[in-house]
Amino acid sequence: MSSYAAALRELYEITADRDLEFSAKLRALLRMGCRRLGLDMGFLARIRGGRCEIVAADGAETVVEEGSLYALEGTISHEAVQAGEPVHFTRAGDPRSSPRHPSYDASRMAAYIGAPVVVGSEDFGLLEFSSSRARPGPFTETERDLVTLMAHWIGGELQRRRAEDALRASEAKFAGILEVAVDAIISVDEEQRIVLFNRGAEGTFGYSSEEIMGQPLDVLLSEGARSAHRNHIREFAGSPVSSRRMAERQEISGRRKDGEEFPAEASISKLDTPDGKLFTVVLQDITASKRAHDELARSNAELEQFAYVASHDLQEPLRMVASYTQLLARRYRGKLDEDADEFIGYAVDGVNRMRELINDLLLYSRVGMQVEEFVPTDLERVVKDTLADLELTLEETDGVVTSDPLPVVLGDEGQLLQLFQNLIANALKFRGDDSPRVHISAQRSGKEWTVSIRDNGIGFDPEHLDRVFVIFQRLHNRREYPGTGIGLSLAKKVVERHSGRIWAESEPGRGSTFSFTLRDGG
């Protein structure tokens, strides 16, 4: 076996020894390098700023101690860093072949070879060997290759250790997050046995981590949900997605240690590990929020029912009042004094406004009470019908409504007609000196459409954006712009019943844009 092959074998035996720590392997390499190169000292230096710090040293003559520093610039070490490859020299009895530097003179250096150590993309430092004794000849190519291989291994090992340190720090941080997380976090293996159970899960389910680890996940589920949940995890394991919400179409429930079942929301993720797939569930107990939601829904339903009954029952007495005030106006106008005519006029105007308010309130209350299922609805047809209903207003205002191609959405056609009527009628009503111009556009984003209705009207101050959708809120004088202040709140209610969002953008004198989202129905 050649000396180079023997050196490579020794290098492999040292670096592959699993019983040796990195520091022990490093010292063994330094001793091997000294022996194979015929030099007295070996050391690893780390570059810090403009200096080198000796972090490890070994050999027969270690005149350079660990922790000592020396200036980098102007040294042969600096040349090795700049060259990115081994640099070497031998005095060989000729002082002119040796570089002049105080550190060399102090250490009586007669031979030197050093290679840069690179960790990732960082110039970490240098692997260096030197001697105060002259060598019989220059360093051979195989000796330079050996030092290069040693430097490469050190750089790779340091990079791996950094990655392991970062991973351990990340794992410690993750473990800390798991422990303080309020949500229940549970991990199961491919056999659906619990392998992680954080404090949030202990508080939610009533089990300690010690008594639940290794148990099947079924113990945390209601009996009726177990089979479906097992099938869900099997299906999720073979799907291309890495995470998803669980039971989006139906409510899921958990089961505490005492047997109590509770409603929950959860998401699941998967991770491939050397031991197989790991499934992690993040679960929230929504008992309190569901109770509050149910109570709010009940309260809203009662309020809507009250508004409907009140507005409906007010119709009859209002019709009577309206009939008699109109009769007074027809029969006695001009026959009494001017004050009487004025008072009768006020009464008629008040009755007419009350009738409009009650009609709008009745329309508003019906939005939440209607239970028609949503069906694919062509917004092109909805807008066409809306413009037909507003034909007289368009003629009176010389208004023009244009539209981009509009989509088919999932919705209640009657309510969508109300939505467009209110928004377009507002655009025609709140106009400036120019004839109203309204444009309708639609843009798709995933499974929903954003529909925008832009006008050239009077606009409003952005500070009022939070008021425009509040029922009975008005930004303008009733004499200038008549109405009840219900139109935009009705539009908001329709959009929210369709699981969408509605918002506005506006500037005084520069028009307004009302936008809302609807689910795709194609």
Protein backbone atom coordinates (compact mmCIF):
# COMPACT_ATOMS: atom_id res chain seq x y z
CA MET A 1 0.00 0.00 0.00
CA SER A 2 1.41 3.44 -0.93
CA SER A 3 2.05 6.02 1.76
CA TYR A 4 -0.75 8.22 0.32
CA ALA A 5 -3.25 5.34 0.36
CA ALA A 6 -2.20 4.54 3.92
CA ALA A 7 -2.73 8.19 4.88
CA LEU A 8 -6.21 8.20 3.31
CA ARG A 9 -7.10 5.01 5.17
CA GLU A 10 -5.93 6.52 8.45
CA LEU A 11 -7.88 9.71 7.71
CA TYR A 12 -11.01 7.65 7.11
CA GLU A 13 -10.54 5.58 10.28
CA ILE A 14 -10.21 8.72 12.41
CA THR A 15 -13.15 10.60 10.91
CA ALA A 16 -15.46 7.54 10.83
CA ASP A 17 -14.85 6.56 14.46
CA ARG A 18 -18.23 7.03 16.15
CA ASP A 19 -16.73 6.72 19.61
CA LEU A 20 -14.63 9.87 19.22
CA GLU A 21 -15.94 13.39 19.82
CA PHE A 22 -15.13 16.08 17.29
CA SER A 23 -12.40 17.61 19.47
CA ALA A 24 -10.70 14.20 19.83
CA LYS A 25 -10.92 13.57 16.09
CA LEU A 26 -9.44 17.02 15.43
CA ARG A 27 -6.44 16.36 17.69
CA ALA A 28 -5.93 12.93 16.11
CA LEU A 29 -5.90 14.58 12.66
CA LEU A 30 -3.39 17.19 13.82
CA ARG A 31 -1.08 14.46 15.18
CA MET A 32 -1.49 12.39 12.00
CA GLY A 33 -0.72 15.43 9.84
CA CYS A 34 2.45 16.19 11.77
CA ARG A 35 3.59 12.58 11.44
CA ARG A 36 2.72 12.22 7.74
CA LEU A 37 4.22 15.61 6.80
CA GLY A 38 7.30 15.33 8.99
CA LEU A 39 6.43 18.52 10.89
CA ASP A 40 6.34 19.36 14.58
CA MET A 41 3.16 21.44 15.01
CA GLY A 42 -0.44 21.29 13.80
CA PHE A 43 -3.16 23.76 14.65
CA LEU A 44 -6.60 24.98 13.61
CA ALA A 45 -6.94 28.74 13.53
CA ARG A 46 -10.20 30.66 13.30
CA ILE A 47 -10.35 34.04 11.57
CA ARG A 48 -11.87 36.74 13.76
CA GLY A 49 -11.81 40.17 12.17
CA GLY A 50 -8.25 40.81 11.10
CA ARG A 51 -6.73 38.24 13.45
CA CYS A 52 -6.45 34.49 13.79
CA GLU A 53 -7.27 32.67 17.03
CA ILE A 54 -5.75 29.25 17.68
CA VAL A 55 -8.69 26.98 18.63
CA ALA A 56 -6.81 23.65 18.61
CA ALA A 57 -3.10 22.70 18.63
CA ASP A 58 -1.17 19.46 18.86
CA GLY A 59 2.18 17.94 17.97
CA ALA A 60 5.66 17.33 19.30
CA GLU A 61 6.50 21.03 19.51
CA THR A 62 3.41 23.19 20.25
CA VAL A 63 4.98 26.58 20.77
CA VAL A 64 1.68 28.18 19.70
CA GLU A 65 -0.88 27.80 22.48
CA GLU A 66 -4.64 27.44 22.14
CA GLY A 67 -6.42 30.76 22.56
CA SER A 68 -3.47 32.82 21.34
CA LEU A 69 -4.02 35.43 18.64
CA TYR A 70 -1.90 36.69 15.80
CA ALA A 71 -2.38 39.31 13.11
CA LEU A 72 -3.55 37.84 9.82
CA GLU A 73 -2.57 40.49 7.29
CA GLY A 74 0.88 40.04 5.72
CA THR A 75 1.27 36.43 6.83
CA ILE A 76 1.44 33.29 4.75
CA SER A 77 -1.88 32.36 6.44
CA HIS A 78 -3.39 35.43 4.79
CA GLU A 79 -2.06 34.23 1.44
CA ALA A 80 -3.80 30.87 1.94
CA VAL A 81 -7.12 32.57 2.71
CA GLN A 82 -6.84 34.80 -0.36
CA ALA A 83 -5.72 31.96 -2.63
CA GLY A 84 -8.46 29.58 -1.45
CA GLU A 85 -6.04 26.67 -1.71
CA PRO A 86 -3.02 25.29 0.20
CA VAL A 87 0.02 27.55 0.55
CA HIS A 88 3.38 26.16 1.67
CA PHE A 89 7.09 26.87 1.94
CA THR A 90 10.28 25.19 3.14
CA ARG A 91 13.43 27.01 4.15
CA ALA A 92 15.67 24.17 3.03
CA GLY A 93 18.72 25.91 4.45
CA ASP A 94 18.22 29.04 2.32
CA PRO A 95 16.99 32.04 4.38
CA ARG A 96 15.87 33.82 1.19
CA SER A 97 13.16 31.20 0.56
CA SER A 98 11.45 31.96 3.90
CA PRO A 99 8.93 34.86 4.21
CA ARG A 100 9.88 37.54 6.66
CA HIS A 101 7.39 38.02 9.50
CA PRO A 102 7.87 38.42 13.29
CA SER A 103 5.61 35.45 14.07
CA TYR A 104 7.81 33.16 11.96
CA ASP A 105 10.99 34.41 13.49
CA ALA A 106 9.58 34.00 17.01
CA SER A 107 8.57 30.41 16.33
CA ARG A 108 11.72 29.63 14.35
CA MET A 109 9.50 28.41 11.48
CA ALA A 110 11.41 26.60 8.74
CA ALA A 111 8.55 24.76 7.01
CA TYR A 112 4.85 25.52 6.69
CA ILE A 113 1.75 24.25 4.88
CA GLY A 114 -1.78 25.61 5.42
CA ALA A 115 -5.17 25.19 3.76
CA PRO A 116 -8.29 27.34 4.19
CA VAL A 117 -11.22 25.84 6.09
CA VAL A 118 -14.56 26.88 4.60
CA VAL A 119 -17.84 26.33 6.48
CA GLY A 120 -20.72 26.71 4.05
CA SER A 121 -19.84 29.92 2.25
CA GLU A 122 -17.87 31.38 5.17
CA ASP A 123 -14.07 31.50 5.40
CA PHE A 124 -13.89 29.93 8.85
CA GLY A 125 -10.12 29.77 9.24
CA LEU A 126 -7.05 27.67 8.45
CA LEU A 127 -5.67 24.19 9.03
CA GLU A 128 -1.92 24.74 9.44
CA PHE A 129 1.17 22.61 10.01
CA SER A 130 4.66 23.97 10.63
CA SER A 131 8.08 23.10 11.99
CA SER A 132 11.22 24.84 13.17
CA ARG A 133 13.20 22.09 11.44
CA ALA A 134 13.88 22.31 7.73
CA ARG A 135 12.40 19.61 5.57
CA PRO A 136 14.59 17.60 3.24
CA GLY A 137 12.52 18.79 0.26
CA PRO A 138 9.39 20.69 -0.82
CA PHE A 139 5.88 19.39 -0.10
CA THR A 140 4.65 16.88 -2.66
CA GLU A 141 1.32 17.05 -4.47
CA THR A 142 -0.04 14.12 -2.45
CA GLU A 143 0.90 15.88 0.79
CA ARG A 144 -0.89 19.04 -0.36
CA ASP A 145 -3.94 16.92 -1.32
CA LEU A 146 -3.90 15.28 2.11
CA VAL A 147 -3.99 18.66 3.88
CA THR A 148 -6.78 19.80 1.53
CA LEU A 149 -8.86 16.70 2.34
CA MET A 150 -8.36 17.24 6.06
CA ALA A 151 -9.42 20.89 5.75
CA HIS A 152 -12.50 19.88 3.73
CA TRP A 153 -13.52 17.34 6.37
CA ILE A 154 -13.09 19.86 9.18
CA GLY A 155 -15.19 22.43 7.27
CA GLY A 156 -17.91 19.87 6.54
CA GLU A 157 -17.98 18.64 10.12
CA LEU A 158 -18.19 22.19 11.50
CA GLN A 159 -21.07 22.91 9.11
CA ARG A 160 -22.87 19.75 10.22
CA ARG A 161 -22.35 20.65 13.88
CA ARG A 162 -23.72 24.13 13.24
CA ALA A 163 -26.79 22.61 11.58
CA GLU A 164 -27.24 20.24 14.53
CA ASP A 165 -26.89 23.10 17.00
CA ALA A 166 -29.45 25.12 15.05
CA LEU A 167 -31.76 22.12 14.93
CA ARG A 168 -31.41 21.54 18.66
CA ALA A 169 -32.12 25.23 19.30
CA SER A 170 -35.12 25.05 16.98
CA GLU A 171 -36.35 21.89 18.68
CA ALA A 172 -35.93 23.50 22.09
CA LYS A 173 -37.78 26.58 20.91
CA PHE A 174 -40.50 24.45 19.34
CA ALA A 175 -40.78 22.39 22.50
CA GLY A 176 -41.12 25.60 24.50
CA ILE A 177 -43.84 26.83 22.17
CA LEU A 178 -45.63 23.48 22.45
CA GLU A 179 -45.57 23.67 26.22
CA VAL A 180 -46.95 27.21 26.50
CA ALA A 181 -49.47 26.88 23.65
CA VAL A 182 -53.06 27.25 24.83
CA ASP A 183 -54.36 25.08 22.00
CA ALA A 184 -54.23 21.30 22.30
CA ILE A 185 -51.40 19.93 20.13
CA ILE A 186 -51.37 16.18 19.59
CA SER A 187 -49.15 14.09 17.32
CA VAL A 188 -49.88 10.51 16.29
CA ASP A 189 -47.90 7.96 14.29
CA GLU A 190 -49.15 5.99 11.30
CA GLU A 191 -50.89 3.56 13.65
CA GLN A 192 -52.69 6.60 15.13
CA ARG A 193 -51.07 6.19 18.52
CA ILE A 194 -50.30 9.34 20.48
CA VAL A 195 -46.61 10.34 20.53
CA LEU A 196 -46.94 14.00 21.60
CA PHE A 197 -49.40 15.58 24.03
CA ASN A 198 -48.71 19.16 25.13
CA ARG A 199 -49.95 21.02 28.21
CA GLY A 200 -52.76 22.59 26.21
CA ALA A 201 -53.98 19.09 25.39
CA GLU A 202 -53.71 18.09 29.06
CA GLY A 203 -55.90 21.02 30.04
CA THR A 204 -58.42 20.37 27.26
CA PHE A 205 -58.83 16.62 27.68
CA GLY A 206 -57.99 16.10 31.37
CA TYR A 207 -55.33 13.44 30.75
CA SER A 208 -51.71 13.80 31.81
CA SER A 209 -49.06 13.32 29.14
CA GLU A 210 -47.72 10.25 30.95
CA GLU A 211 -51.03 8.37 30.97
CA ILE A 212 -52.01 9.17 27.37
CA MET A 213 -48.72 8.59 25.51
CA GLY A 214 -48.90 5.48 23.32
CA GLN A 215 -52.68 5.29 23.58
CA PRO A 216 -54.81 5.19 20.41
CA LEU A 217 -56.23 8.52 19.32
CA ASP A 218 -59.72 7.04 19.63
CA VAL A 219 -59.72 7.67 23.38
CA LEU A 220 -59.95 11.42 22.65
CA LEU A 221 -62.86 11.11 20.21
CA SER A 222 -66.56 10.52 20.62
CA GLU A 223 -67.60 7.03 19.60
CA GLY A 224 -69.56 8.29 16.62
CA ALA A 225 -66.55 10.15 15.23
CA ARG A 226 -63.87 7.48 15.54
CA SER A 227 -64.40 5.57 12.30
CA ALA A 228 -64.77 8.72 10.21
CA HIS A 229 -61.64 10.21 11.79
CA ARG A 230 -59.53 7.13 11.10
CA ASN A 231 -60.66 7.19 7.47
CA HIS A 232 -59.90 10.92 7.28
CA ILE A 233 -56.30 10.42 8.42
CA ARG A 234 -55.78 7.53 5.98
CA GLU A 235 -57.11 9.66 3.12
CA PHE A 236 -55.02 12.65 4.23
CA ALA A 237 -51.88 10.47 4.38
CA GLY A 238 -52.16 9.73 0.67
CA SER A 239 -53.15 13.24 -0.42
CA PRO A 240 -50.64 15.71 -1.93
CA VAL A 241 -51.42 18.49 0.59
CA SER A 242 -49.35 18.84 3.76
CA SER A 243 -52.00 20.49 5.96
CA ARG A 244 -55.72 21.19 6.03
CA ARG A 245 -58.62 22.08 8.28
CA MET A 246 -60.52 19.10 9.63
CA ALA A 247 -64.24 18.43 9.18
CA GLU A 248 -64.96 21.60 7.19
CA ARG A 249 -68.45 20.36 6.32
CA GLN A 250 -69.45 19.05 9.71
CA GLU A 251 -68.74 19.72 13.35
CA ILE A 252 -66.13 17.58 15.10
CA SER A 253 -66.16 16.76 18.78
CA GLY A 254 -63.65 15.63 21.37
CA ARG A 255 -64.09 13.46 24.45
CA ARG A 256 -62.57 14.36 27.80
CA LYS A 257 -61.28 11.89 30.39
CA ASP A 258 -64.52 12.18 32.35
CA GLY A 259 -66.55 11.25 29.25
CA GLU A 260 -67.83 14.77 28.49
CA GLU A 261 -67.99 15.53 24.78
CA PHE A 262 -67.30 19.02 23.45
CA PRO A 263 -67.36 20.79 20.05
CA ALA A 264 -63.99 21.54 18.51
CA GLU A 265 -62.20 23.08 15.56
CA ALA A 266 -58.97 21.47 14.38
CA SER A 267 -56.34 21.46 11.67
CA ILE A 268 -54.02 18.61 10.75
CA SER A 269 -50.55 18.48 9.19
CA LYS A 270 -48.23 15.64 8.25
CA LEU A 271 -44.48 15.19 8.22
CA ASP A 272 -42.37 12.38 6.75
CA THR A 273 -39.84 11.11 9.29
CA PRO A 274 -37.36 8.19 9.22
CA ASP A 275 -39.88 6.25 11.32
CA GLY A 276 -42.82 6.97 9.00
CA LYS A 277 -45.44 9.70 8.73
CA LEU A 278 -46.19 11.87 11.74
CA PHE A 279 -49.60 13.54 11.97
CA THR A 280 -50.06 16.61 14.17
CA VAL A 281 -53.46 17.98 15.15
CA VAL A 282 -53.95 21.48 16.58
CA LEU A 283 -57.34 21.54 18.30
CA GLN A 284 -59.43 24.22 20.00
CA ASP A 285 -62.32 23.65 22.37
CA ILE A 286 -65.04 25.96 21.00
CA THR A 287 -67.66 25.24 23.68
CA ALA A 288 -67.72 28.84 24.90
CA SER A 289 -67.58 30.44 21.46
CA LYS A 290 -70.26 28.07 20.12
CA ARG A 291 -72.51 28.87 23.08
CA ALA A 292 -71.98 32.59 22.45
CA HIS A 293 -72.56 32.12 18.73
CA ASP A 294 -75.78 30.19 19.33
CA GLU A 295 -76.97 32.82 21.81
CA LEU A 296 -76.17 35.60 19.36
CA ALA A 297 -77.94 33.77 16.56
CA ARG A 298 -80.99 33.27 18.78
CA SER A 299 -80.95 36.92 19.80
CA ASN A 300 -80.59 38.07 16.18
CA ALA A 301 -83.42 35.77 15.11
CA GLU A 302 -85.66 37.20 17.85
CA LEU A 303 -84.68 40.74 16.86
CA GLU A 304 -85.38 40.04 13.18
CA GLN A 305 -88.72 38.48 14.10
CA PHE A 306 -89.58 41.50 16.23
CA ALA A 307 -88.60 43.92 13.45
CA TYR A 308 -90.67 41.95 10.97
CA VAL A 309 -93.75 41.76 13.20
CA ALA A 310 -93.47 45.38 14.31
CA SER A 311 -93.02 46.75 10.81
CA HIS A 312 -95.75 44.46 9.44
CA ASP A 313 -98.24 45.34 12.18
CA LEU A 314 -97.56 49.06 11.79
CA GLN A 315 -98.70 48.95 8.18
CA GLU A 316 -102.43 48.93 8.99
CA PRO A 317 -102.61 51.89 11.41
CA LEU A 318 -100.20 53.80 9.17
CA ARG A 319 -102.47 53.29 6.17
CA MET A 320 -105.34 54.73 8.21
CA VAL A 321 -103.32 57.76 9.26
CA ALA A 322 -102.11 58.24 5.68
CA SER A 323 -105.66 58.05 4.31
CA TYR A 324 -107.04 60.67 6.71
CA THR A 325 -104.14 63.08 6.33
CA GLN A 326 -104.40 62.86 2.53
CA LEU A 327 -108.18 63.41 2.85
CA LEU A 328 -107.53 66.48 4.98
CA ALA A 329 -105.07 67.78 2.44
CA ARG A 330 -107.49 67.34 -0.48
CA ARG A 331 -110.60 68.66 1.28
CA TYR A 332 -109.35 71.57 3.31
CA ARG A 333 -106.26 72.86 1.46
CA GLY A 334 -106.87 76.55 0.80
CA LYS A 335 -110.00 76.67 2.93
CA LEU A 336 -108.23 77.28 6.23
CA ASP A 337 -105.41 79.66 7.00
CA GLU A 338 -101.81 79.26 5.77
CA ASP A 339 -100.69 77.69 9.06
CA ALA A 340 -103.27 74.93 8.69
CA ASP A 341 -102.09 74.18 5.14
CA GLU A 342 -98.49 74.04 6.37
CA PHE A 343 -99.34 71.75 9.26
CA ILE A 344 -101.29 69.40 7.02
CA GLY A 345 -98.30 69.34 4.62
CA TYR A 346 -95.99 68.35 7.48
CA ALA A 347 -98.37 65.55 8.48
CA VAL A 348 -98.56 64.18 4.93
CA ASP A 349 -94.76 64.33 4.50
CA GLY A 350 -94.22 62.62 7.85
CA VAL A 351 -96.66 59.84 6.99
CA ASN A 352 -94.98 59.27 3.62
CA ARG A 353 -91.52 59.06 5.24
CA MET A 354 -92.86 56.72 7.90
CA ARG A 355 -94.33 54.45 5.22
CA GLU A 356 -90.98 54.37 3.37
CA LEU A 357 -89.10 53.63 6.60
CA ILE A 358 -91.42 50.80 7.58
CA ASN A 359 -91.25 49.27 4.10
CA ASP A 360 -87.44 49.39 4.17
CA LEU A 361 -87.34 47.97 7.69
CA LEU A 362 -89.63 45.15 6.65
CA LEU A 363 -87.38 44.43 3.66
CA TYR A 364 -84.29 44.48 5.92
CA SER A 365 -85.80 42.07 8.45
CA ARG A 366 -86.78 39.60 5.73
CA VAL A 367 -83.17 39.14 4.55
CA GLY A 368 -82.19 37.06 7.58
CA MET A 369 -85.50 35.20 7.71
CA GLN A 370 -85.36 33.85 4.17
CA VAL A 371 -84.02 30.31 3.95
CA GLU A 372 -83.85 29.67 0.20
CA GLU A 373 -80.86 27.56 -0.79
CA PHE A 374 -78.16 29.24 -2.84
CA VAL A 375 -78.02 28.21 -6.49
CA PRO A 376 -75.79 29.20 -9.44
CA THR A 377 -76.95 32.71 -10.36
CA ASP A 378 -75.92 34.65 -13.46
CA LEU A 379 -74.96 38.19 -12.42
CA GLU A 380 -75.41 39.32 -16.05
CA ARG A 381 -79.12 38.57 -15.72
CA VAL A 382 -79.29 40.13 -12.23
CA VAL A 383 -77.78 43.40 -13.52
CA LYS A 384 -80.08 43.39 -16.58
CA ASP A 385 -83.16 43.05 -14.33
CA THR A 386 -81.81 45.71 -11.97
CA LEU A 387 -81.37 48.22 -14.79
CA ALA A 388 -84.88 47.46 -16.03
CA ASP A 389 -86.25 48.32 -12.58
CA LEU A 390 -84.18 51.53 -12.51
CA GLU A 391 -85.04 52.57 -16.06
CA LEU A 392 -87.06 55.63 -14.99
CA THR A 393 -84.29 56.84 -12.63
CA LEU A 394 -81.70 56.38 -15.37
CA GLU A 395 -83.78 58.52 -17.75
CA GLU A 396 -84.35 61.25 -15.15
CA THR A 397 -80.67 61.48 -14.25
CA ASP A 398 -79.28 60.84 -17.75
CA GLY A 399 -77.33 58.05 -16.06
CA VAL A 400 -75.26 55.39 -17.84
CA VAL A 401 -74.33 52.01 -16.35
CA THR A 402 -71.64 49.91 -18.06
CA SER A 403 -70.35 46.50 -17.16
CA ASP A 404 -67.51 44.08 -17.79
CA PRO A 405 -68.45 40.42 -18.33
CA LEU A 406 -69.92 39.19 -15.04
CA PRO A 407 -69.67 35.66 -13.57
CA VAL A 408 -72.08 33.04 -12.33
CA VAL A 409 -72.07 33.03 -8.51
CA LEU A 410 -73.67 30.96 -5.81
CA GLY A 411 -76.53 32.90 -4.28
CA ASP A 412 -80.15 33.89 -3.79
CA GLU A 413 -81.19 35.71 -6.98
CA GLY A 414 -83.86 37.81 -5.26
CA GLN A 415 -81.47 39.09 -2.62
CA LEU A 416 -78.70 39.72 -5.14
CA LEU A 417 -81.20 41.82 -7.09
CA GLN A 418 -81.80 43.86 -3.92
CA LEU A 419 -78.04 44.22 -3.46
CA PHE A 420 -77.42 45.61 -6.96
CA GLN A 421 -80.53 47.81 -6.83
CA ASN A 422 -79.38 49.48 -3.62
CA LEU A 423 -75.79 50.06 -4.74
CA ILE A 424 -76.62 51.28 -8.26
CA ALA A 425 -79.54 53.43 -7.02
CA ASN A 426 -77.16 55.04 -4.50
CA ALA A 427 -74.66 55.74 -7.29
CA LEU A 428 -77.41 57.47 -9.30
CA LYS A 429 -78.74 59.37 -6.27
CA PHE A 430 -75.50 60.74 -4.85
CA ARG A 431 -74.37 62.38 -8.08
CA GLY A 432 -72.58 65.64 -8.65
CA ASP A 433 -72.99 68.19 -11.43
CA ASP A 434 -72.12 65.67 -14.14
CA SER A 435 -74.49 62.96 -15.29
CA PRO A 436 -73.92 59.77 -13.27
CA ARG A 437 -71.62 57.17 -14.78
CA VAL A 438 -71.46 53.74 -13.13
CA HIS A 439 -69.21 50.82 -14.05
CA ILE A 440 -69.46 47.24 -12.77
CA SER A 441 -66.44 44.90 -12.85
CA ALA A 442 -65.56 41.49 -11.43
CA GLN A 443 -62.25 39.81 -10.61
CA ARG A 444 -61.75 36.20 -9.58
CA SER A 445 -59.58 35.17 -6.63
CA GLY A 446 -59.55 31.45 -5.91
CA LYS A 447 -63.07 30.23 -5.26
CA GLU A 448 -64.65 33.66 -4.97
CA TRP A 449 -65.33 36.75 -7.05
CA THR A 450 -64.83 40.37 -6.07
CA VAL A 451 -67.49 42.55 -7.69
CA SER A 452 -66.92 46.33 -7.75
CA ILE A 453 -69.41 49.11 -8.54
CA ARG A 454 -67.61 52.39 -9.28
CA ASP A 455 -69.33 55.78 -9.76
CA ASN A 456 -68.38 59.40 -10.46
CA GLY A 457 -70.60 60.84 -7.73
CA ILE A 458 -70.01 63.18 -4.83
CA GLY A 459 -68.11 60.61 -2.76
CA PHE A 460 -67.53 60.99 0.98
CA ASP A 461 -64.70 61.44 3.47
CA PRO A 462 -62.80 58.17 4.17
CA GLU A 463 -63.18 58.84 7.90
CA HIS A 464 -66.84 57.82 7.52
CA LEU A 465 -66.07 54.40 6.03
CA ASP A 466 -67.08 52.65 9.26
CA ARG A 467 -70.47 54.42 9.34
CA VAL A 468 -71.82 53.94 5.84
CA PHE A 469 -73.00 50.36 6.44
CA VAL A 470 -74.62 51.06 9.83
CA ILE A 471 -78.42 51.04 9.76
CA PHE A 472 -80.10 54.47 9.89
CA GLN A 473 -76.73 56.26 9.58
CA ARG A 474 -76.79 59.13 7.07
CA LEU A 475 -73.92 61.31 5.85
CA HIS A 476 -76.09 63.85 4.02
CA ASN A 477 -79.10 66.05 4.70
CA ARG A 478 -82.45 64.32 4.00
CA ARG A 479 -83.70 67.32 2.00
CA GLU A 480 -80.72 67.09 -0.36
CA TYR A 481 -80.70 63.30 -0.66
CA PRO A 482 -83.90 61.60 0.54
CA GLY A 483 -83.87 58.10 1.98
CA THR A 484 -84.10 56.10 5.19
CA GLY A 485 -80.44 55.17 5.72
CA ILE A 486 -81.18 51.44 5.43
CA GLY A 487 -79.98 50.74 1.87
CA LEU A 488 -76.29 50.11 2.54
CA SER A 489 -76.94 48.18 5.76
CA LEU A 490 -79.33 45.98 3.77
CA ALA A 491 -76.61 45.47 1.14
CA LYS A 492 -74.16 44.48 3.90
CA LYS A 493 -76.67 42.01 5.34
CA VAL A 494 -77.25 40.39 1.94
CA VAL A 495 -73.50 40.01 1.30
CA GLU A 496 -72.85 38.55 4.76
CA ARG A 497 -75.71 36.07 4.32
CA HIS A 498 -73.82 34.96 1.21
CA SER A 499 -70.65 34.48 3.37
CA GLY A 500 -68.98 37.46 1.70
CA ARG A 501 -67.41 40.78 2.68
CA ILE A 502 -68.34 44.30 1.57
CA TRP A 503 -66.29 47.50 1.76
CA ALA A 504 -66.06 50.96 0.22
CA GLU A 505 -63.40 53.32 -1.08
CA SER A 506 -64.16 56.99 -1.63
CA GLU A 507 -62.91 60.58 -1.72
CA PRO A 508 -65.04 63.73 -1.63
CA GLY A 509 -65.77 64.88 -5.20
CA ARG A 510 -64.06 61.87 -6.79
CA GLY A 511 -66.74 59.22 -6.61
CA SER A 512 -67.01 55.96 -4.69
CA THR A 513 -66.33 52.27 -5.28
CA PHE A 514 -68.31 49.64 -3.40
CA SER A 515 -66.84 46.13 -3.56
CA PHE A 516 -68.11 42.81 -2.26
CA THR A 517 -67.20 39.13 -2.54
CA LEU A 518 -69.41 36.23 -3.63
CA ARG A 519 -68.64 32.55 -3.98
CA ASP A 520 -68.09 31.16 -7.46
CA GLY A 521 -71.09 29.28 -8.79
CA GLY A 522 -69.64 27.88 -12.01
